[in-house]
Amino acid sequence: MARITPEGVHQVVQKGRARLDAAHIDWRSAPIEARYRRIAEIQDVARRRGVSTEADTQRPARSSADHKVWGLLIFVAIMTLMFQTIFTFAEWPMKAWSKE
């Protein structure tokens, strides 16, 4: 079976793994743990800077829509507008078909 990598690369990798084993570092999980450390660093920076999220930008609209009284009134107004719009637009084809 032919090797894909050059002969020297395999030996260098084996030596590197042996050094990591001697230092009691699991060479299989070291890259994964490094990625998670970097993710944690990014999260800490974002938390300290107070990066706004989508929820923060929509808070004024949500707070009024979630209110007991205002939320109900907004819901009723939207439903009335939709009901009225549907029946207004439905009159045009009904009138056109009834003339035929």
PDB file of N, CA and C in Angstrom:
ATOM      1  N   MET A   1       0.848  -1.174   0.000  1.00  0.00           N
ATOM      2  CA  MET A   1       0.000   0.000   0.000  1.00  0.00           C
ATOM      3  C   MET A   1       0.892   1.234   0.000  1.00  0.00           C
ATOM      4  N   ALA A   2       0.586   2.186  -0.863  1.00  0.00           N
ATOM      5  CA  ALA A   2       1.408   3.395  -1.003  1.00  0.00           C
ATOM      6  C   ALA A   2       1.033   4.407   0.071  1.00  0.00           C
ATOM      7  N   ARG A   3       2.037   5.107   0.572  1.00  0.00           N
ATOM      8  CA  ARG A   3       1.804   6.159   1.559  1.00  0.00           C
ATOM      9  C   ARG A   3       1.425   7.454   0.856  1.00  0.00           C
ATOM     10  N   ILE A   4       0.520   8.191   1.457  1.00  0.00           N
ATOM     11  CA  ILE A   4       0.101   9.472   0.898  1.00  0.00           C
ATOM     12  C   ILE A   4       1.061  10.567   1.341  1.00  0.00           C
ATOM     13  N   THR A   5       1.531  10.499   2.572  1.00  0.00           N
ATOM     14  CA  THR A   5       2.441  11.513   3.114  1.00  0.00           C
ATOM     15  C   THR A   5       3.883  11.067   2.941  1.00  0.00           C
ATOM     16  N   PRO A   6       4.794  12.021   2.855  1.00  0.00           N
ATOM     17  CA  PRO A   6       6.212  11.653   2.756  1.00  0.00           C
ATOM     18  C   PRO A   6       6.680  10.901   4.006  1.00  0.00           C
ATOM     19  N   GLU A   7       7.732  10.135   3.869  1.00  0.00           N
ATOM     20  CA  GLU A   7       8.246   9.285   4.957  1.00  0.00           C
ATOM     21  C   GLU A   7       8.624  10.094   6.197  1.00  0.00           C
ATOM     22  N   GLY A   8       9.248  11.244   6.016  1.00  0.00           N
ATOM     23  CA  GLY A   8       9.696  12.038   7.151  1.00  0.00           C
ATOM     24  C   GLY A   8       8.561  12.611   7.982  1.00  0.00           C
ATOM     25  N   VAL A   9       7.443  12.882   7.355  1.00  0.00           N
ATOM     26  CA  VAL A   9       6.304  13.472   8.070  1.00  0.00           C
ATOM     27  C   VAL A   9       5.779  12.499   9.118  1.00  0.00           C
ATOM     28  N   HIS A  10       5.677  11.249   8.768  1.00  0.00           N
ATOM     29  CA  HIS A  10       5.174  10.241   9.706  1.00  0.00           C
ATOM     30  C   HIS A  10       6.059  10.155  10.942  1.00  0.00           C
ATOM     31  N   GLN A  11       7.357  10.208  10.755  1.00  0.00           N
ATOM     32  CA  GLN A  11       8.284  10.143  11.884  1.00  0.00           C
ATOM     33  C   GLN A  11       8.178  11.389  12.765  1.00  0.00           C
ATOM     34  N   VAL A  12       8.031  12.563  12.157  1.00  0.00           N
ATOM     35  CA  VAL A  12       7.897  13.811  12.926  1.00  0.00           C
ATOM     36  C   VAL A  12       6.618  13.791  13.754  1.00  0.00           C
ATOM     37  N   VAL A  13       5.550  13.304  13.156  1.00  0.00           N
ATOM     38  CA  VAL A  13       4.274  13.223  13.883  1.00  0.00           C
ATOM     39  C   VAL A  13       4.408  12.270  15.067  1.00  0.00           C
ATOM     40  N   GLN A  14       5.037  11.135  14.869  1.00  0.00           N
ATOM     41  CA  GLN A  14       5.224  10.169  15.959  1.00  0.00           C
ATOM     42  C   GLN A  14       6.053  10.771  17.091  1.00  0.00           C
ATOM     43  N   LYS A  15       7.109  11.511  16.763  1.00  0.00           N
ATOM     44  CA  LYS A  15       7.936  12.149  17.788  1.00  0.00           C
ATOM     45  C   LYS A  15       7.142  13.210  18.552  1.00  0.00           C
ATOM     46  N   GLY A  16       6.341  13.989  17.825  1.00  0.00           N
ATOM     47  CA  GLY A  16       5.515  15.006  18.478  1.00  0.00           C
ATOM     48  C   GLY A  16       4.506  14.389  19.430  1.00  0.00           C
ATOM     49  N   ARG A  17       3.880  13.306  19.014  1.00  0.00           N
ATOM     50  CA  ARG A  17       2.930  12.610  19.882  1.00  0.00           C
ATOM     51  C   ARG A  17       3.623  12.044  21.113  1.00  0.00           C
ATOM     52  N   ALA A  18       4.821  11.539  20.935  1.00  0.00           N
ATOM     53  CA  ALA A  18       5.569  10.994  22.077  1.00  0.00           C
ATOM     54  C   ALA A  18       5.905  12.101  23.076  1.00  0.00           C
ATOM     55  N   ARG A  19       6.278  13.301  22.566  1.00  0.00           N
ATOM     56  CA  ARG A  19       6.563  14.416  23.489  1.00  0.00           C
ATOM     57  C   ARG A  19       5.316  14.841  24.247  1.00  0.00           C
ATOM     58  N   LEU A  20       4.189  14.899  23.568  1.00  0.00           N
ATOM     59  CA  LEU A  20       2.942  15.260  24.245  1.00  0.00           C
ATOM     60  C   LEU A  20       2.557  14.205  25.282  1.00  0.00           C
ATOM     61  N   ASP A  21       2.726  12.949  24.933  1.00  0.00           N
ATOM     62  CA  ASP A  21       2.448  11.878  25.900  1.00  0.00           C
ATOM     63  C   ASP A  21       3.356  11.989  27.118  1.00  0.00           C
ATOM     64  N   ALA A  22       4.628  12.333  26.897  1.00  0.00           N
ATOM     65  CA  ALA A  22       5.565  12.485  28.015  1.00  0.00           C
ATOM     66  C   ALA A  22       5.172  13.652  28.911  1.00  0.00           C
ATOM     67  N   ALA A  23       4.551  14.682  28.323  1.00  0.00           N
ATOM     68  CA  ALA A  23       4.105  15.845  29.110  1.00  0.00           C
ATOM     69  C   ALA A  23       2.702  15.632  29.678  1.00  0.00           C
ATOM     70  N   HIS A  24       2.151  14.420  29.517  1.00  0.00           N
ATOM     71  CA  HIS A  24       0.812  14.056  29.999  1.00  0.00           C
ATOM     72  C   HIS A  24      -0.269  14.938  29.368  1.00  0.00           C
ATOM     73  N   ILE A  25      -0.118  15.196  28.068  1.00  0.00           N
ATOM     74  CA  ILE A  25      -1.112  15.945  27.299  1.00  0.00           C
ATOM     75  C   ILE A  25      -1.725  14.992  26.291  1.00  0.00           C
ATOM     76  N   ASP A  26      -3.040  14.914  26.318  1.00  0.00           N
ATOM     77  CA  ASP A  26      -3.736  14.045  25.363  1.00  0.00           C
ATOM     78  C   ASP A  26      -3.768  14.745  24.007  1.00  0.00           C
ATOM     79  N   TRP A  27      -2.992  14.262  23.052  1.00  0.00           N
ATOM     80  CA  TRP A  27      -2.865  14.927  21.764  1.00  0.00           C
ATOM     81  C   TRP A  27      -4.154  14.855  20.949  1.00  0.00           C
ATOM     82  N   ARG A  28      -5.044  13.936  21.302  1.00  0.00           N
ATOM     83  CA  ARG A  28      -6.310  13.833  20.572  1.00  0.00           C
ATOM     84  C   ARG A  28      -7.270  14.955  20.954  1.00  0.00           C
ATOM     85  N   SER A  29      -7.295  15.332  22.218  1.00  0.00           N
ATOM     86  CA  SER A  29      -8.261  16.331  22.663  1.00  0.00           C
ATOM     87  C   SER A  29      -7.676  17.737  22.788  1.00  0.00           C
ATOM     88  N   ALA A  30      -6.382  17.914  22.660  1.00  0.00           N
ATOM     89  CA  ALA A  30      -5.762  19.230  22.822  1.00  0.00           C
ATOM     90  C   ALA A  30      -6.319  20.265  21.843  1.00  0.00           C
ATOM     91  N   PRO A  31      -6.465  19.972  20.545  1.00  0.00           N
ATOM     92  CA  PRO A  31      -7.025  20.984  19.640  1.00  0.00           C
ATOM     93  C   PRO A  31      -8.476  21.345  19.964  1.00  0.00           C
ATOM     94  N   ILE A  32      -9.222  20.357  20.395  1.00  0.00           N
ATOM     95  CA  ILE A  32     -10.627  20.593  20.736  1.00  0.00           C
ATOM     96  C   ILE A  32     -10.721  21.498  21.959  1.00  0.00           C
ATOM     97  N   GLU A  33      -9.928  21.199  22.971  1.00  0.00           N
ATOM     98  CA  GLU A  33      -9.931  22.023  24.179  1.00  0.00           C
ATOM     99  C   GLU A  33      -9.468  23.445  23.869  1.00  0.00           C
ATOM    100  N   ALA A  34      -8.515  23.601  22.953  1.00  0.00           N
ATOM    101  CA  ALA A  34      -8.051  24.938  22.572  1.00  0.00           C
ATOM    102  C   ALA A  34      -9.167  25.734  21.911  1.00  0.00           C
ATOM    103  N   ARG A  35      -9.950  25.080  21.083  1.00  0.00           N
ATOM    104  CA  ARG A  35     -11.079  25.761  20.443  1.00  0.00           C
ATOM    105  C   ARG A  35     -12.089  26.232  21.478  1.00  0.00           C
ATOM    106  N   TYR A  36     -12.411  25.373  22.435  1.00  0.00           N
ATOM    107  CA  TYR A  36     -13.384  25.756  23.459  1.00  0.00           C
ATOM    108  C   TYR A  36     -12.853  26.880  24.349  1.00  0.00           C
ATOM    109  N   ARG A  37     -11.540  26.887  24.616  1.00  0.00           N
ATOM    110  CA  ARG A  37     -10.958  28.005  25.375  1.00  0.00           C
ATOM    111  C   ARG A  37     -11.117  29.309  24.606  1.00  0.00           C
ATOM    112  N   ARG A  38     -10.879  29.257  23.296  1.00  0.00           N
ATOM    113  CA  ARG A  38     -11.018  30.458  22.468  1.00  0.00           C
ATOM    114  C   ARG A  38     -12.468  30.934  22.438  1.00  0.00           C
ATOM    115  N   ILE A  39     -13.400  30.015  22.359  1.00  0.00           N
ATOM    116  CA  ILE A  39     -14.824  30.374  22.383  1.00  0.00           C
ATOM    117  C   ILE A  39     -15.177  31.043  23.701  1.00  0.00           C
ATOM    118  N   ALA A  40     -14.661  30.525  24.808  1.00  0.00           N
ATOM    119  CA  ALA A  40     -14.923  31.120  26.119  1.00  0.00           C
ATOM    120  C   ALA A  40     -14.343  32.535  26.203  1.00  0.00           C
ATOM    121  N   GLU A  41     -13.161  32.749  25.624  1.00  0.00           N
ATOM    122  CA  GLU A  41     -12.574  34.087  25.612  1.00  0.00           C
ATOM    123  C   GLU A  41     -13.453  35.064  24.836  1.00  0.00           C
ATOM    124  N   ILE A  42     -13.955  34.640  23.692  1.00  0.00           N
ATOM    125  CA  ILE A  42     -14.818  35.499  22.878  1.00  0.00           C
ATOM    126  C   ILE A  42     -16.105  35.819  23.634  1.00  0.00           C
ATOM    127  N   GLN A  43     -16.665  34.837  24.330  1.00  0.00           N
ATOM    128  CA  GLN A  43     -17.879  35.073  25.109  1.00  0.00           C
ATOM    129  C   GLN A  43     -17.630  36.079  26.222  1.00  0.00           C
ATOM    130  N   ASP A  44     -16.485  35.971  26.894  1.00  0.00           N
ATOM    131  CA  ASP A  44     -16.164  36.914  27.966  1.00  0.00           C
ATOM    132  C   ASP A  44     -16.040  38.331  27.439  1.00  0.00           C
ATOM    133  N   VAL A  45     -15.380  38.496  26.301  1.00  0.00           N
ATOM    134  CA  VAL A  45     -15.230  39.829  25.713  1.00  0.00           C
ATOM    135  C   VAL A  45     -16.595  40.395  25.326  1.00  0.00           C
ATOM    136  N   ALA A  46     -17.424  39.576  24.712  1.00  0.00           N
ATOM    137  CA  ALA A  46     -18.756  40.033  24.306  1.00  0.00           C
ATOM    138  C   ALA A  46     -19.605  40.397  25.512  1.00  0.00           C
ATOM    139  N   ARG A  47     -19.492  39.638  26.578  1.00  0.00           N
ATOM    140  CA  ARG A  47     -20.264  39.905  27.789  1.00  0.00           C
ATOM    141  C   ARG A  47     -19.813  41.213  28.433  1.00  0.00           C
ATOM    142  N   ARG A  48     -18.493  41.460  28.449  1.00  0.00           N
ATOM    143  CA  ARG A  48     -17.972  42.693  29.047  1.00  0.00           C
ATOM    144  C   ARG A  48     -18.339  43.922  28.233  1.00  0.00           C
ATOM    145  N   ARG A  49     -18.363  43.799  26.922  1.00  0.00           N
ATOM    146  CA  ARG A  49     -18.696  44.941  26.070  1.00  0.00           C
ATOM    147  C   ARG A  49     -20.184  45.236  26.066  1.00  0.00           C
ATOM    148  N   GLY A  50     -20.977  44.292  26.489  1.00  0.00           N
ATOM    149  CA  GLY A  50     -22.423  44.500  26.494  1.00  0.00           C
ATOM    150  C   GLY A  50     -23.001  44.529  25.089  1.00  0.00           C
ATOM    151  N   VAL A  51     -22.605  43.577  24.292  1.00  0.00           N
ATOM    152  CA  VAL A  51     -23.089  43.507  22.918  1.00  0.00           C
ATOM    153  C   VAL A  51     -24.598  43.331  22.942  1.00  0.00           C
ATOM    154  N   SER A  52     -25.299  44.185  22.173  1.00  0.00           N
ATOM    155  CA  SER A  52     -26.754  44.094  22.161  1.00  0.00           C
ATOM    156  C   SER A  52     -27.177  42.921  21.298  1.00  0.00           C
ATOM    157  N   THR A  53     -28.260  42.332  21.676  1.00  0.00           N
ATOM    158  CA  THR A  53     -28.800  41.210  20.922  1.00  0.00           C
ATOM    159  C   THR A  53     -30.079  41.650  20.234  1.00  0.00           C
ATOM    160  N   GLU A  54     -30.640  40.770  19.449  1.00  0.00           N
ATOM    161  CA  GLU A  54     -31.886  41.086  18.756  1.00  0.00           C
ATOM    162  C   GLU A  54     -32.989  41.385  19.760  1.00  0.00           C
ATOM    163  N   ALA A  55     -33.001  40.671  20.869  1.00  0.00           N
ATOM    164  CA  ALA A  55     -34.034  40.889  21.885  1.00  0.00           C
ATOM    165  C   ALA A  55     -33.942  42.309  22.454  1.00  0.00           C
ATOM    166  N   ASP A  56     -32.729  42.844  22.601  1.00  0.00           N
ATOM    167  CA  ASP A  56     -32.573  44.199  23.122  1.00  0.00           C
ATOM    168  C   ASP A  56     -33.111  45.237  22.152  1.00  0.00           C
ATOM    169  N   THR A  57     -32.935  45.038  20.873  1.00  0.00           N
ATOM    170  CA  THR A  57     -33.397  46.011  19.890  1.00  0.00           C
ATOM    171  C   THR A  57     -34.903  45.980  19.717  1.00  0.00           C
ATOM    172  N   GLN A  58     -35.546  44.884  20.053  1.00  0.00           N
ATOM    173  CA  GLN A  58     -36.989  44.774  19.898  1.00  0.00           C
ATOM    174  C   GLN A  58     -37.734  44.934  21.212  1.00  0.00           C
ATOM    175  N   ARG A  59     -37.041  45.273  22.263  1.00  0.00           N
ATOM    176  CA  ARG A  59     -37.672  45.346  23.572  1.00  0.00           C
ATOM    177  C   ARG A  59     -38.831  46.347  23.634  1.00  0.00           C
ATOM    178  N   PRO A  60     -38.733  47.586  23.079  1.00  0.00           N
ATOM    179  CA  PRO A  60     -39.877  48.506  23.193  1.00  0.00           C
ATOM    180  C   PRO A  60     -41.142  47.963  22.539  1.00  0.00           C
ATOM    181  N   ALA A  61     -41.012  47.352  21.370  1.00  0.00           N
ATOM    182  CA  ALA A  61     -42.188  46.810  20.695  1.00  0.00           C
ATOM    183  C   ALA A  61     -42.753  45.631  21.469  1.00  0.00           C
ATOM    184  N   ARG A  62     -41.899  44.797  21.982  1.00  0.00           N
ATOM    185  CA  ARG A  62     -42.369  43.632  22.726  1.00  0.00           C
ATOM    186  C   ARG A  62     -43.016  44.025  24.041  1.00  0.00           C
ATOM    187  N   SER A  63     -42.470  45.028  24.713  1.00  0.00           N
ATOM    188  CA  SER A  63     -43.022  45.382  26.022  1.00  0.00           C
ATOM    189  C   SER A  63     -44.443  45.910  25.876  1.00  0.00           C
ATOM    190  N   SER A  64     -44.738  46.664  24.807  1.00  0.00           N
ATOM    191  CA  SER A  64     -46.103  47.152  24.640  1.00  0.00           C
ATOM    192  C   SER A  64     -47.024  46.033  24.157  1.00  0.00           C
ATOM    193  N   ALA A  65     -46.511  45.131  23.328  1.00  0.00           N
ATOM    194  CA  ALA A  65     -47.341  44.032  22.838  1.00  0.00           C
ATOM    195  C   ALA A  65     -47.591  42.989  23.935  1.00  0.00           C
ATOM    196  N   ASP A  66     -46.717  42.897  24.907  1.00  0.00           N
ATOM    197  CA  ASP A  66     -46.880  41.938  25.997  1.00  0.00           C
ATOM    198  C   ASP A  66     -47.713  42.488  27.152  1.00  0.00           C
ATOM    199  N   HIS A  67     -48.051  43.759  27.112  1.00  0.00           N
ATOM    200  CA  HIS A  67     -48.813  44.380  28.193  1.00  0.00           C
ATOM    201  C   HIS A  67     -50.224  43.800  28.222  1.00  0.00           C
ATOM    202  N   LYS A  68     -50.820  43.713  29.409  1.00  0.00           N
ATOM    203  CA  LYS A  68     -52.150  43.114  29.537  1.00  0.00           C
ATOM    204  C   LYS A  68     -53.195  43.860  28.719  1.00  0.00           C
ATOM    205  N   VAL A  69     -53.259  45.170  28.863  1.00  0.00           N
ATOM    206  CA  VAL A  69     -54.291  45.964  28.188  1.00  0.00           C
ATOM    207  C   VAL A  69     -53.849  46.347  26.779  1.00  0.00           C
ATOM    208  N   TRP A  70     -52.667  46.949  26.652  1.00  0.00           N
ATOM    209  CA  TRP A  70     -52.204  47.420  25.351  1.00  0.00           C
ATOM    210  C   TRP A  70     -52.000  46.256  24.395  1.00  0.00           C
ATOM    211  N   GLY A  71     -51.526  45.153  24.889  1.00  0.00           N
ATOM    212  CA  GLY A  71     -51.327  43.992  24.035  1.00  0.00           C
ATOM    213  C   GLY A  71     -52.637  43.494  23.439  1.00  0.00           C
ATOM    214  N   LEU A  72     -53.670  43.463  24.274  1.00  0.00           N
ATOM    215  CA  LEU A  72     -54.990  43.037  23.797  1.00  0.00           C
ATOM    216  C   LEU A  72     -55.532  44.022  22.764  1.00  0.00           C
ATOM    217  N   LEU A  73     -55.381  45.316  23.032  1.00  0.00           N
ATOM    218  CA  LEU A  73     -55.873  46.323  22.087  1.00  0.00           C
ATOM    219  C   LEU A  73     -55.109  46.263  20.755  1.00  0.00           C
ATOM    220  N   ILE A  74     -53.814  46.056  20.822  1.00  0.00           N
ATOM    221  CA  ILE A  74     -53.021  45.930  19.595  1.00  0.00           C
ATOM    222  C   ILE A  74     -53.458  44.692  18.813  1.00  0.00           C
ATOM    223  N   PHE A  75     -53.687  43.601  19.515  1.00  0.00           N
ATOM    224  CA  PHE A  75     -54.127  42.368  18.854  1.00  0.00           C
ATOM    225  C   PHE A  75     -55.476  42.567  18.171  1.00  0.00           C
ATOM    226  N   VAL A  76     -56.416  43.171  18.871  1.00  0.00           N
ATOM    227  CA  VAL A  76     -57.753  43.396  18.309  1.00  0.00           C
ATOM    228  C   VAL A  76     -57.658  44.327  17.100  1.00  0.00           C
ATOM    229  N   ALA A  77     -56.828  45.355  17.180  1.00  0.00           N
ATOM    230  CA  ALA A  77     -56.686  46.288  16.056  1.00  0.00           C
ATOM    231  C   ALA A  77     -56.106  45.577  14.836  1.00  0.00           C
ATOM    232  N   ILE A  78     -55.103  44.754  15.036  1.00  0.00           N
ATOM    233  CA  ILE A  78     -54.498  44.037  13.909  1.00  0.00           C
ATOM    234  C   ILE A  78     -55.490  43.050  13.300  1.00  0.00           C
ATOM    235  N   MET A  79     -56.212  42.322  14.135  1.00  0.00           N
ATOM    236  CA  MET A  79     -57.192  41.360  13.622  1.00  0.00           C
ATOM    237  C   MET A  79     -58.320  42.070  12.887  1.00  0.00           C
ATOM    238  N   THR A  80     -58.764  43.224  13.383  1.00  0.00           N
ATOM    239  CA  THR A  80     -59.818  43.992  12.706  1.00  0.00           C
ATOM    240  C   THR A  80     -59.328  44.473  11.352  1.00  0.00           C
ATOM    241  N   LEU A  81     -58.110  44.977  11.315  1.00  0.00           N
ATOM    242  CA  LEU A  81     -57.536  45.441  10.060  1.00  0.00           C
ATOM    243  C   LEU A  81     -57.429  44.298   9.047  1.00  0.00           C
ATOM    244  N   MET A  82     -56.980  43.135   9.490  1.00  0.00           N
ATOM    245  CA  MET A  82     -56.869  41.987   8.582  1.00  0.00           C
ATOM    246  C   MET A  82     -58.251  41.542   8.092  1.00  0.00           C
ATOM    247  N   PHE A  83     -59.219  41.469   8.988  1.00  0.00           N
ATOM    248  CA  PHE A  83     -60.579  41.062   8.624  1.00  0.00           C
ATOM    249  C   PHE A  83     -61.155  42.025   7.589  1.00  0.00           C
ATOM    250  N   GLN A  84     -61.030  43.318   7.852  1.00  0.00           N
ATOM    251  CA  GLN A  84     -61.563  44.330   6.958  1.00  0.00           C
ATOM    252  C   GLN A  84     -60.875  44.287   5.596  1.00  0.00           C
ATOM    253  N   THR A  85     -59.555  44.088   5.604  1.00  0.00           N
ATOM    254  CA  THR A  85     -58.798  44.027   4.359  1.00  0.00           C
ATOM    255  C   THR A  85     -59.202  42.824   3.519  1.00  0.00           C
ATOM    256  N   ILE A  86     -59.367  41.683   4.138  1.00  0.00           N
ATOM    257  CA  ILE A  86     -59.742  40.469   3.405  1.00  0.00           C
ATOM    258  C   ILE A  86     -61.101  40.633   2.748  1.00  0.00           C
ATOM    259  N   PHE A  87     -62.065  41.149   3.494  1.00  0.00           N
ATOM    260  CA  PHE A  87     -63.405  41.275   2.929  1.00  0.00           C
ATOM    261  C   PHE A  87     -63.504  42.411   1.927  1.00  0.00           C
ATOM    262  N   THR A  88     -62.704  43.448   2.070  1.00  0.00           N
ATOM    263  CA  THR A  88     -62.701  44.522   1.080  1.00  0.00           C
ATOM    264  C   THR A  88     -62.133  44.022  -0.238  1.00  0.00           C
ATOM    265  N   PHE A  89     -61.012  43.321  -0.172  1.00  0.00           N
ATOM    266  CA  PHE A  89     -60.412  42.799  -1.398  1.00  0.00           C
ATOM    267  C   PHE A  89     -61.244  41.666  -1.992  1.00  0.00           C
ATOM    268  N   ALA A  90     -61.995  40.962  -1.190  1.00  0.00           N
ATOM    269  CA  ALA A  90     -62.821  39.865  -1.698  1.00  0.00           C
ATOM    270  C   ALA A  90     -64.040  40.383  -2.449  1.00  0.00           C
ATOM    271  N   GLU A  91     -64.462  41.616  -2.178  1.00  0.00           N
ATOM    272  CA  GLU A  91     -65.632  42.171  -2.873  1.00  0.00           C
ATOM    273  C   GLU A  91     -65.374  42.335  -4.363  1.00  0.00           C
ATOM    274  N   TRP A  92     -64.173  42.703  -4.742  1.00  0.00           N
ATOM    275  CA  TRP A  92     -63.878  42.956  -6.151  1.00  0.00           C
ATOM    276  C   TRP A  92     -64.105  41.714  -7.007  1.00  0.00           C
ATOM    277  N   PRO A  93     -63.522  40.565  -6.667  1.00  0.00           N
ATOM    278  CA  PRO A  93     -63.799  39.386  -7.518  1.00  0.00           C
ATOM    279  C   PRO A  93     -65.256  38.927  -7.406  1.00  0.00           C
ATOM    280  N   MET A  94     -65.888  39.112  -6.226  1.00  0.00           N
ATOM    281  CA  MET A  94     -67.285  38.684  -6.097  1.00  0.00           C
ATOM    282  C   MET A  94     -68.184  39.519  -6.986  1.00  0.00           C
ATOM    283  N   LYS A  95     -67.922  40.825  -7.082  1.00  0.00           N
ATOM    284  CA  LYS A  95     -68.720  41.680  -7.944  1.00  0.00           C
ATOM    285  C   LYS A  95     -68.469  41.346  -9.413  1.00  0.00           C
ATOM    286  N   ALA A  96     -67.204  41.049  -9.731  1.00  0.00           N
ATOM    287  CA  ALA A  96     -66.879  40.713 -11.114  1.00  0.00           C
ATOM    288  C   ALA A  96     -67.541  39.406 -11.536  1.00  0.00           C
ATOM    289  N   TRP A  97     -67.603  38.416 -10.666  1.00  0.00           N
ATOM    290  CA  TRP A  97     -68.210  37.131 -11.011  1.00  0.00           C
ATOM    291  C   TRP A  97     -69.735  37.202 -11.016  1.00  0.00           C
ATOM    292  N   SER A  98     -70.285  38.047 -10.181  1.00  0.00           N
ATOM    293  CA  SER A  98     -71.747  38.102 -10.117  1.00  0.00           C
ATOM    294  C   SER A  98     -72.332  38.787 -11.353  1.00  0.00           C
ATOM    295  N   LYS A  99     -71.576  39.610 -12.073  1.00  0.00           N
ATOM    296  CA  LYS A  99     -72.046  40.270 -13.283  1.00  0.00           C
ATOM    297  C   LYS A  99     -72.103  39.321 -14.473  1.00  0.00           C
ATOM    298  N   GLU A 100     -71.393  38.243 -14.412  1.00  0.00           N
ATOM    299  CA  GLU A 100     -71.352  37.317 -15.540  1.00  0.00           C
ATOM    300  C   GLU A 100     -72.581  36.490 -15.665  1.00  0.00           C
TER     301      GLU A 100
END
